[in-house]
């Protein structure tokens, strides 16, 4: 008989809920913060103090960034269907791809592959130049000279002495692609890898963080609607051509 499929995350029983082998109400509720609980859910382990601190920091750094396409899409969806908060959140998260939010995962993959292959930042940057491709984690449409979020993450990583090989590589890569600024996605990836997170876990941070930002925009949309104004502005900005 083939082995039965298993899940190691959670099970609900008539009198209790068990999460990662722990009693939800008897152990976790009232003891863990949401960030600590998220780490437990994601990895199966409670975080170290550094993991908790930087997971908090990274979530705060990426949660909100103004009228980004994800927020605009969510607001316009809620304007079209005011009863569908979940649909509006989903509309925003569906836009979390490699251009707007998914770059951190690309950065993590780049850093991990470079480490595994023993490649230098100079080699990696040269390869991207040869292919005429932009290096993930560099350049920003608003922060032309410096992304203050990225610099703060690197500063705190150094202060807390968690800036290991991946952060060092990211810094070297920044020197190679200058004058393009390092954007927030690269230090998110580098710090997470240096703290022991898997590459596959990195994209969870911008998705979870931006969900909080979306909910704030949608709460405001319910009180002060601008979704239809955004749609009208788009219509006015684009010429119709026969």
C-alpha atoms as a PDB file:
ATOM      1  CA  UNK A   1       0.000   0.000   0.000  1.00  0.00           C
ATOM      2  CA  UNK A   2       1.305   3.423  -0.939  1.00  0.00           C
ATOM      3  CA  UNK A   3       2.126   5.824   1.874  1.00  0.00           C
ATOM      4  CA  UNK A   4      -0.765   8.116   2.744  1.00  0.00           C
ATOM      5  CA  UNK A   5      -0.246  11.836   2.102  1.00  0.00           C
ATOM      6  CA  UNK A   6       0.432  13.857   5.223  1.00  0.00           C
ATOM      7  CA  UNK A   7       0.331  17.466   6.399  1.00  0.00           C
ATOM      8  CA  UNK A   8       2.416  18.675   9.312  1.00  0.00           C
ATOM      9  CA  UNK A   9       0.749  22.049   9.800  1.00  0.00           C
ATOM     10  CA  UNK A  10      -2.524  21.703  11.696  1.00  0.00           C
ATOM     11  CA  UNK A  11      -5.425  19.505  12.732  1.00  0.00           C
ATOM     12  CA  UNK A  12      -8.751  20.472  14.322  1.00  0.00           C
ATOM     13  CA  UNK A  13     -10.270  18.090  16.891  1.00  0.00           C
ATOM     14  CA  UNK A  14     -13.660  18.387  18.640  1.00  0.00           C
ATOM     15  CA  UNK A  15     -12.083  19.834  21.791  1.00  0.00           C
ATOM     16  CA  UNK A  16      -8.884  21.478  20.574  1.00  0.00           C
ATOM     17  CA  UNK A  17      -6.802  22.705  17.635  1.00  0.00           C
ATOM     18  CA  UNK A  18      -3.239  21.525  17.198  1.00  0.00           C
ATOM     19  CA  UNK A  19      -0.749  23.570  15.155  1.00  0.00           C
ATOM     20  CA  UNK A  20       2.716  22.258  14.385  1.00  0.00           C
ATOM     21  CA  UNK A  21       2.400  19.854  17.326  1.00  0.00           C
ATOM     22  CA  UNK A  22       1.383  22.588  19.763  1.00  0.00           C
ATOM     23  CA  UNK A  23      -1.954  23.289  21.406  1.00  0.00           C
ATOM     24  CA  UNK A  24      -3.389  26.447  19.864  1.00  0.00           C
ATOM     25  CA  UNK A  25      -5.395  27.680  22.840  1.00  0.00           C
ATOM     26  CA  UNK A  26      -3.323  26.128  25.621  1.00  0.00           C
ATOM     27  CA  UNK A  27       0.096  27.160  24.348  1.00  0.00           C
ATOM     28  CA  UNK A  28       0.191  29.519  21.387  1.00  0.00           C
ATOM     29  CA  UNK A  29      -2.642  32.009  21.938  1.00  0.00           C
ATOM     30  CA  UNK A  30      -1.514  34.732  24.307  1.00  0.00           C
ATOM     31  CA  UNK A  31       2.144  33.682  24.096  1.00  0.00           C
ATOM     32  CA  UNK A  32       3.220  34.154  20.500  1.00  0.00           C
ATOM     33  CA  UNK A  33       2.962  37.361  18.501  1.00  0.00           C
ATOM     34  CA  UNK A  34       1.515  37.050  15.011  1.00  0.00           C
ATOM     35  CA  UNK A  35       5.002  37.361  13.520  1.00  0.00           C
ATOM     36  CA  UNK A  36       6.261  34.518  15.700  1.00  0.00           C
ATOM     37  CA  UNK A  37       3.203  32.463  14.833  1.00  0.00           C
ATOM     38  CA  UNK A  38       3.730  33.130  11.114  1.00  0.00           C
ATOM     39  CA  UNK A  39       7.301  31.864  11.438  1.00  0.00           C
ATOM     40  CA  UNK A  40       6.056  28.743  13.211  1.00  0.00           C
ATOM     41  CA  UNK A  41       3.430  28.112  10.551  1.00  0.00           C
ATOM     42  CA  UNK A  42       5.912  28.696   7.723  1.00  0.00           C
ATOM     43  CA  UNK A  43       8.876  26.734   9.056  1.00  0.00           C
ATOM     44  CA  UNK A  44       7.571  24.468  11.826  1.00  0.00           C
ATOM     45  CA  UNK A  45       9.851  26.188  14.342  1.00  0.00           C
ATOM     46  CA  UNK A  46       9.503  29.138  16.673  1.00  0.00           C
ATOM     47  CA  UNK A  47      11.847  31.939  15.643  1.00  0.00           C
ATOM     48  CA  UNK A  48      15.038  33.023  17.316  1.00  0.00           C
ATOM     49  CA  UNK A  49      15.072  36.614  18.557  1.00  0.00           C
ATOM     50  CA  UNK A  50      16.918  37.749  15.404  1.00  0.00           C
ATOM     51  CA  UNK A  51      14.510  35.896  13.129  1.00  0.00           C
ATOM     52  CA  UNK A  52      11.539  37.472  14.896  1.00  0.00           C
ATOM     53  CA  UNK A  53      13.049  40.962  14.839  1.00  0.00           C
ATOM     54  CA  UNK A  54      13.937  40.892  11.165  1.00  0.00           C
ATOM     55  CA  UNK A  55      10.751  39.177  10.048  1.00  0.00           C
ATOM     56  CA  UNK A  56       8.894  42.028  11.772  1.00  0.00           C
ATOM     57  CA  UNK A  57      11.192  44.577  10.175  1.00  0.00           C
ATOM     58  CA  UNK A  58      10.828  43.162   6.666  1.00  0.00           C
ATOM     59  CA  UNK A  59       7.051  42.927   6.926  1.00  0.00           C
ATOM     60  CA  UNK A  60       6.895  46.581   7.974  1.00  0.00           C
ATOM     61  CA  UNK A  61       9.288  47.646   5.219  1.00  0.00           C
ATOM     62  CA  UNK A  62       7.210  46.267   2.335  1.00  0.00           C
ATOM     63  CA  UNK A  63       3.605  46.539   3.582  1.00  0.00           C
ATOM     64  CA  UNK A  64       2.795  49.915   2.064  1.00  0.00           C
ATOM     65  CA  UNK A  65       4.125  52.036  -0.788  1.00  0.00           C
ATOM     66  CA  UNK A  66       1.338  54.321  -1.956  1.00  0.00           C
ATOM     67  CA  UNK A  67      -0.922  53.935  -4.990  1.00  0.00           C
ATOM     68  CA  UNK A  68       0.840  50.924  -6.434  1.00  0.00           C
ATOM     69  CA  UNK A  69      -0.929  48.848  -9.127  1.00  0.00           C
ATOM     70  CA  UNK A  70      -1.891  46.255  -6.501  1.00  0.00           C
ATOM     71  CA  UNK A  71      -3.681  48.877  -4.401  1.00  0.00           C
ATOM     72  CA  UNK A  72      -5.321  50.517  -7.408  1.00  0.00           C
ATOM     73  CA  UNK A  73      -6.626  47.162  -8.661  1.00  0.00           C
ATOM     74  CA  UNK A  74      -7.990  46.332  -5.217  1.00  0.00           C
ATOM     75  CA  UNK A  75      -9.716  49.699  -4.811  1.00  0.00           C
ATOM     76  CA  UNK A  76     -11.325  49.517  -8.254  1.00  0.00           C
ATOM     77  CA  UNK A  77     -12.517  45.974  -7.536  1.00  0.00           C
ATOM     78  CA  UNK A  78     -14.132  47.052  -4.275  1.00  0.00           C
ATOM     79  CA  UNK A  79     -15.740  50.029  -6.035  1.00  0.00           C
ATOM     80  CA  UNK A  80     -17.289  47.611  -8.524  1.00  0.00           C
ATOM     81  CA  UNK A  81     -18.416  45.193  -5.797  1.00  0.00           C
ATOM     82  CA  UNK A  82     -18.499  46.823  -2.356  1.00  0.00           C
ATOM     83  CA  UNK A  83     -19.529  43.560  -0.677  1.00  0.00           C
ATOM     84  CA  UNK A  84     -16.497  41.630  -1.897  1.00  0.00           C
ATOM     85  CA  UNK A  85     -13.654  42.583   0.416  1.00  0.00           C
ATOM     86  CA  UNK A  86     -12.026  39.206  -0.115  1.00  0.00           C
ATOM     87  CA  UNK A  87     -12.311  39.593  -3.889  1.00  0.00           C
ATOM     88  CA  UNK A  88     -10.694  43.020  -3.741  1.00  0.00           C
ATOM     89  CA  UNK A  89      -7.813  41.683  -1.629  1.00  0.00           C
ATOM     90  CA  UNK A  90      -7.400  38.808  -4.069  1.00  0.00           C
ATOM     91  CA  UNK A  91      -7.355  41.244  -7.004  1.00  0.00           C
ATOM     92  CA  UNK A  92      -4.475  43.101  -5.401  1.00  0.00           C
ATOM     93  CA  UNK A  93      -2.485  39.998  -4.477  1.00  0.00           C
ATOM     94  CA  UNK A  94      -2.884  38.571  -7.977  1.00  0.00           C
ATOM     95  CA  UNK A  95      -0.712  41.450  -9.120  1.00  0.00           C
ATOM     96  CA  UNK A  96       2.151  40.444  -6.826  1.00  0.00           C
ATOM     97  CA  UNK A  97       4.371  39.314  -9.656  1.00  0.00           C
ATOM     98  CA  UNK A  98       8.051  39.849 -10.449  1.00  0.00           C
ATOM     99  CA  UNK A  99       7.593  43.490 -11.480  1.00  0.00           C
ATOM    100  CA  UNK A 100       5.750  44.806  -8.411  1.00  0.00           C
ATOM    101  CA  UNK A 101       6.262  42.415  -5.487  1.00  0.00           C
ATOM    102  CA  UNK A 102       7.788  39.132  -6.572  1.00  0.00           C
ATOM    103  CA  UNK A 103      11.313  40.428  -7.121  1.00  0.00           C
ATOM    104  CA  UNK A 104      12.469  39.330  -3.667  1.00  0.00           C
ATOM    105  CA  UNK A 105      12.030  35.705  -4.693  1.00  0.00           C
ATOM    106  CA  UNK A 106      14.120  36.305  -7.825  1.00  0.00           C
ATOM    107  CA  UNK A 107      16.789  37.967  -5.689  1.00  0.00           C
ATOM    108  CA  UNK A 108      16.842  35.006  -3.299  1.00  0.00           C
ATOM    109  CA  UNK A 109      17.217  32.577  -6.170  1.00  0.00           C
ATOM    110  CA  UNK A 110      20.051  34.659  -7.658  1.00  0.00           C
ATOM    111  CA  UNK A 111      21.897  34.795  -4.330  1.00  0.00           C
ATOM    112  CA  UNK A 112      21.462  31.091  -3.597  1.00  0.00           C
ATOM    113  CA  UNK A 113      22.530  29.999  -7.081  1.00  0.00           C
ATOM    114  CA  UNK A 114      25.566  32.281  -7.039  1.00  0.00           C
ATOM    115  CA  UNK A 115      26.632  30.858  -3.673  1.00  0.00           C
ATOM    116  CA  UNK A 116      26.128  27.267  -4.808  1.00  0.00           C
ATOM    117  CA  UNK A 117      28.167  27.851  -7.963  1.00  0.00           C
ATOM    118  CA  UNK A 118      30.871  29.878  -6.216  1.00  0.00           C
ATOM    119  CA  UNK A 119      30.365  32.806  -8.571  1.00  0.00           C
ATOM    120  CA  UNK A 120      31.457  36.362  -7.845  1.00  0.00           C
ATOM    121  CA  UNK A 121      29.286  39.460  -7.974  1.00  0.00           C
ATOM    122  CA  UNK A 122      31.384  40.665 -10.895  1.00  0.00           C
ATOM    123  CA  UNK A 123      30.612  37.491 -12.849  1.00  0.00           C
ATOM    124  CA  UNK A 124      26.895  37.671 -12.108  1.00  0.00           C
ATOM    125  CA  UNK A 125      26.622  41.342 -13.057  1.00  0.00           C
ATOM    126  CA  UNK A 126      28.637  40.725 -16.222  1.00  0.00           C
ATOM    127  CA  UNK A 127      26.317  37.925 -17.267  1.00  0.00           C
ATOM    128  CA  UNK A 128      23.270  40.148 -16.880  1.00  0.00           C
ATOM    129  CA  UNK A 129      24.960  42.882 -18.893  1.00  0.00           C
ATOM    130  CA  UNK A 130      25.779  40.442 -21.683  1.00  0.00           C
ATOM    131  CA  UNK A 131      22.154  39.340 -21.815  1.00  0.00           C
ATOM    132  CA  UNK A 132      20.989  42.983 -21.655  1.00  0.00           C
ATOM    133  CA  UNK A 133      18.863  42.121 -18.654  1.00  0.00           C
ATOM    134  CA  UNK A 134      18.284  44.079 -15.475  1.00  0.00           C
ATOM    135  CA  UNK A 135      19.726  42.568 -12.291  1.00  0.00           C
ATOM    136  CA  UNK A 136      16.848  41.733  -9.899  1.00  0.00           C
ATOM    137  CA  UNK A 137      16.766  43.946  -6.829  1.00  0.00           C
ATOM    138  CA  UNK A 138      18.249  47.047  -8.462  1.00  0.00           C
ATOM    139  CA  UNK A 139      16.625  50.182  -9.825  1.00  0.00           C
ATOM    140  CA  UNK A 140      13.359  51.795  -8.791  1.00  0.00           C
ATOM    141  CA  UNK A 141      10.879  54.092 -10.603  1.00  0.00           C
ATOM    142  CA  UNK A 142      10.521  56.403  -7.564  1.00  0.00           C
ATOM    143  CA  UNK A 143      13.710  55.965  -5.522  1.00  0.00           C
ATOM    144  CA  UNK A 144      16.109  56.934  -8.312  1.00  0.00           C
ATOM    145  CA  UNK A 145      19.229  57.459  -6.180  1.00  0.00           C
ATOM    146  CA  UNK A 146      18.636  55.425  -3.033  1.00  0.00           C
ATOM    147  CA  UNK A 147      15.848  53.269  -1.641  1.00  0.00           C
ATOM    148  CA  UNK A 148      15.713  54.299   2.030  1.00  0.00           C
ATOM    149  CA  UNK A 149      14.024  51.025   2.992  1.00  0.00           C
ATOM    150  CA  UNK A 150      16.901  48.984   1.597  1.00  0.00           C
ATOM    151  CA  UNK A 151      19.512  51.074   3.366  1.00  0.00           C
ATOM    152  CA  UNK A 152      17.709  50.795   6.708  1.00  0.00           C
ATOM    153  CA  UNK A 153      17.501  47.009   6.429  1.00  0.00           C
ATOM    154  CA  UNK A 154      21.227  46.775   5.682  1.00  0.00           C
ATOM    155  CA  UNK A 155      22.040  49.170   8.522  1.00  0.00           C
ATOM    156  CA  UNK A 156      20.079  47.117  11.056  1.00  0.00           C
ATOM    157  CA  UNK A 157      21.452  43.841   9.721  1.00  0.00           C
ATOM    158  CA  UNK A 158      24.950  45.163  10.397  1.00  0.00           C
ATOM    159  CA  UNK A 159      24.003  46.481  13.846  1.00  0.00           C
ATOM    160  CA  UNK A 160      22.533  43.093  14.827  1.00  0.00           C
ATOM    161  CA  UNK A 161      25.459  41.213  13.234  1.00  0.00           C
ATOM    162  CA  UNK A 162      23.281  39.066  10.991  1.00  0.00           C
ATOM    163  CA  UNK A 163      24.779  40.329   7.727  1.00  0.00           C
ATOM    164  CA  UNK A 164      26.360  37.108   6.505  1.00  0.00           C
ATOM    165  CA  UNK A 165      27.500  35.868   3.108  1.00  0.00           C
ATOM    166  CA  UNK A 166      24.293  36.741   1.252  1.00  0.00           C
ATOM    167  CA  UNK A 167      24.208  40.339   2.477  1.00  0.00           C
ATOM    168  CA  UNK A 168      27.912  40.663   1.645  1.00  0.00           C
ATOM    169  CA  UNK A 169      27.244  39.374  -1.871  1.00  0.00           C
ATOM    170  CA  UNK A 170      24.330  41.806  -2.274  1.00  0.00           C
ATOM    171  CA  UNK A 171      26.604  44.697  -1.255  1.00  0.00           C
ATOM    172  CA  UNK A 172      29.243  43.569  -3.757  1.00  0.00           C
ATOM    173  CA  UNK A 173      26.606  43.299  -6.458  1.00  0.00           C
ATOM    174  CA  UNK A 174      25.500  46.847  -5.660  1.00  0.00           C
ATOM    175  CA  UNK A 175      29.032  48.050  -6.366  1.00  0.00           C
ATOM    176  CA  UNK A 176      28.976  46.270  -9.719  1.00  0.00           C
ATOM    177  CA  UNK A 177      25.676  47.733 -10.950  1.00  0.00           C
ATOM    178  CA  UNK A 178      26.223  51.288  -9.646  1.00  0.00           C
ATOM    179  CA  UNK A 179      24.676  53.858 -10.153  1.00  0.00           C
ATOM    180  CA  UNK A 180      21.444  51.845 -10.011  1.00  0.00           C
ATOM    181  CA  UNK A 181      20.216  51.838  -6.405  1.00  0.00           C
ATOM    182  CA  UNK A 182      19.572  48.621  -4.533  1.00  0.00           C
ATOM    183  CA  UNK A 183      15.837  48.403  -3.956  1.00  0.00           C
ATOM    184  CA  UNK A 184      14.103  46.838  -0.955  1.00  0.00           C
ATOM    185  CA  UNK A 185      13.729  43.398  -2.545  1.00  0.00           C
ATOM    186  CA  UNK A 186      17.429  42.522  -2.492  1.00  0.00           C
ATOM    187  CA  UNK A 187      18.084  43.068   1.251  1.00  0.00           C
ATOM    188  CA  UNK A 188      14.808  41.302   2.085  1.00  0.00           C
ATOM    189  CA  UNK A 189      16.105  38.242   0.250  1.00  0.00           C
ATOM    190  CA  UNK A 190      19.688  38.521   1.520  1.00  0.00           C
ATOM    191  CA  UNK A 191      18.771  38.951   5.184  1.00  0.00           C
ATOM    192  CA  UNK A 192      16.224  36.139   5.090  1.00  0.00           C
ATOM    193  CA  UNK A 193      18.746  33.732   3.568  1.00  0.00           C
ATOM    194  CA  UNK A 194      21.389  34.747   6.109  1.00  0.00           C
ATOM    195  CA  UNK A 195      18.860  34.046   8.870  1.00  0.00           C
ATOM    196  CA  UNK A 196      18.267  30.532   7.572  1.00  0.00           C
ATOM    197  CA  UNK A 197      15.035  30.918   5.606  1.00  0.00           C
ATOM    198  CA  UNK A 198      14.576  28.836   2.481  1.00  0.00           C
ATOM    199  CA  UNK A 199      14.409  30.502  -0.943  1.00  0.00           C
ATOM    200  CA  UNK A 200      10.811  29.335  -1.300  1.00  0.00           C
ATOM    201  CA  UNK A 201       9.806  31.223   1.867  1.00  0.00           C
ATOM    202  CA  UNK A 202      11.033  34.631   0.720  1.00  0.00           C
ATOM    203  CA  UNK A 203       8.032  35.618  -1.411  1.00  0.00           C
ATOM    204  CA  UNK A 204       5.720  34.941   1.528  1.00  0.00           C
ATOM    205  CA  UNK A 205       6.952  38.127   3.216  1.00  0.00           C
ATOM    206  CA  UNK A 206       5.889  40.661   0.549  1.00  0.00           C
ATOM    207  CA  UNK A 207       2.602  38.812  -0.007  1.00  0.00           C
ATOM    208  CA  UNK A 208       1.692  38.778   3.697  1.00  0.00           C
ATOM    209  CA  UNK A 209       2.911  42.338   4.220  1.00  0.00           C
ATOM    210  CA  UNK A 210       1.114  43.778   1.222  1.00  0.00           C
ATOM    211  CA  UNK A 211      -2.106  42.075   2.299  1.00  0.00           C
ATOM    212  CA  UNK A 212      -2.043  44.334   5.358  1.00  0.00           C
ATOM    213  CA  UNK A 213      -1.523  47.366   3.141  1.00  0.00           C
ATOM    214  CA  UNK A 214      -4.362  46.295   0.861  1.00  0.00           C
ATOM    215  CA  UNK A 215      -6.725  45.974   3.812  1.00  0.00           C
ATOM    216  CA  UNK A 216      -5.832  49.526   4.877  1.00  0.00           C
ATOM    217  CA  UNK A 217      -6.540  50.865   1.376  1.00  0.00           C
ATOM    218  CA  UNK A 218      -9.827  48.976   1.243  1.00  0.00           C
ATOM    219  CA  UNK A 219     -10.898  50.257   4.653  1.00  0.00           C
ATOM    220  CA  UNK A 220     -10.241  53.773   3.379  1.00  0.00           C
ATOM    221  CA  UNK A 221     -12.014  52.981   0.117  1.00  0.00           C
ATOM    222  CA  UNK A 222     -15.117  52.058   2.095  1.00  0.00           C
ATOM    223  CA  UNK A 223     -15.070  55.430   3.866  1.00  0.00           C
ATOM    224  CA  UNK A 224     -13.693  57.701   1.147  1.00  0.00           C
ATOM    225  CA  UNK A 225     -14.201  55.998  -2.239  1.00  0.00           C
ATOM    226  CA  UNK A 226     -11.789  56.823  -5.063  1.00  0.00           C
ATOM    227  CA  UNK A 227     -11.962  53.578  -7.046  1.00  0.00           C
ATOM    228  CA  UNK A 228     -14.145  55.045  -9.792  1.00  0.00           C
ATOM    229  CA  UNK A 229     -11.990  58.189  -9.874  1.00  0.00           C
ATOM    230  CA  UNK A 230      -8.960  55.979 -10.500  1.00  0.00           C
ATOM    231  CA  UNK A 231     -10.817  54.193 -13.296  1.00  0.00           C
ATOM    232  CA  UNK A 232     -11.855  57.526 -14.837  1.00  0.00           C
ATOM    233  CA  UNK A 233      -8.305  58.840 -14.603  1.00  0.00           C
ATOM    234  CA  UNK A 234      -7.076  55.781 -16.496  1.00  0.00           C
ATOM    235  CA  UNK A 235      -9.707  56.295 -19.180  1.00  0.00           C
ATOM    236  CA  UNK A 236      -8.782  59.958 -19.548  1.00  0.00           C
ATOM    237  CA  UNK A 237      -5.073  59.163 -19.738  1.00  0.00           C
ATOM    238  CA  UNK A 238      -5.406  56.729 -22.657  1.00  0.00           C
ATOM    239  CA  UNK A 239      -6.349  57.828 -26.173  1.00  0.00           C
ATOM    240  CA  UNK A 240      -8.781  55.716 -28.126  1.00  0.00           C
ATOM    241  CA  UNK A 241      -7.602  55.087 -31.664  1.00  0.00           C
ATOM    242  CA  UNK A 242      -9.644  53.548 -34.452  1.00  0.00           C
END
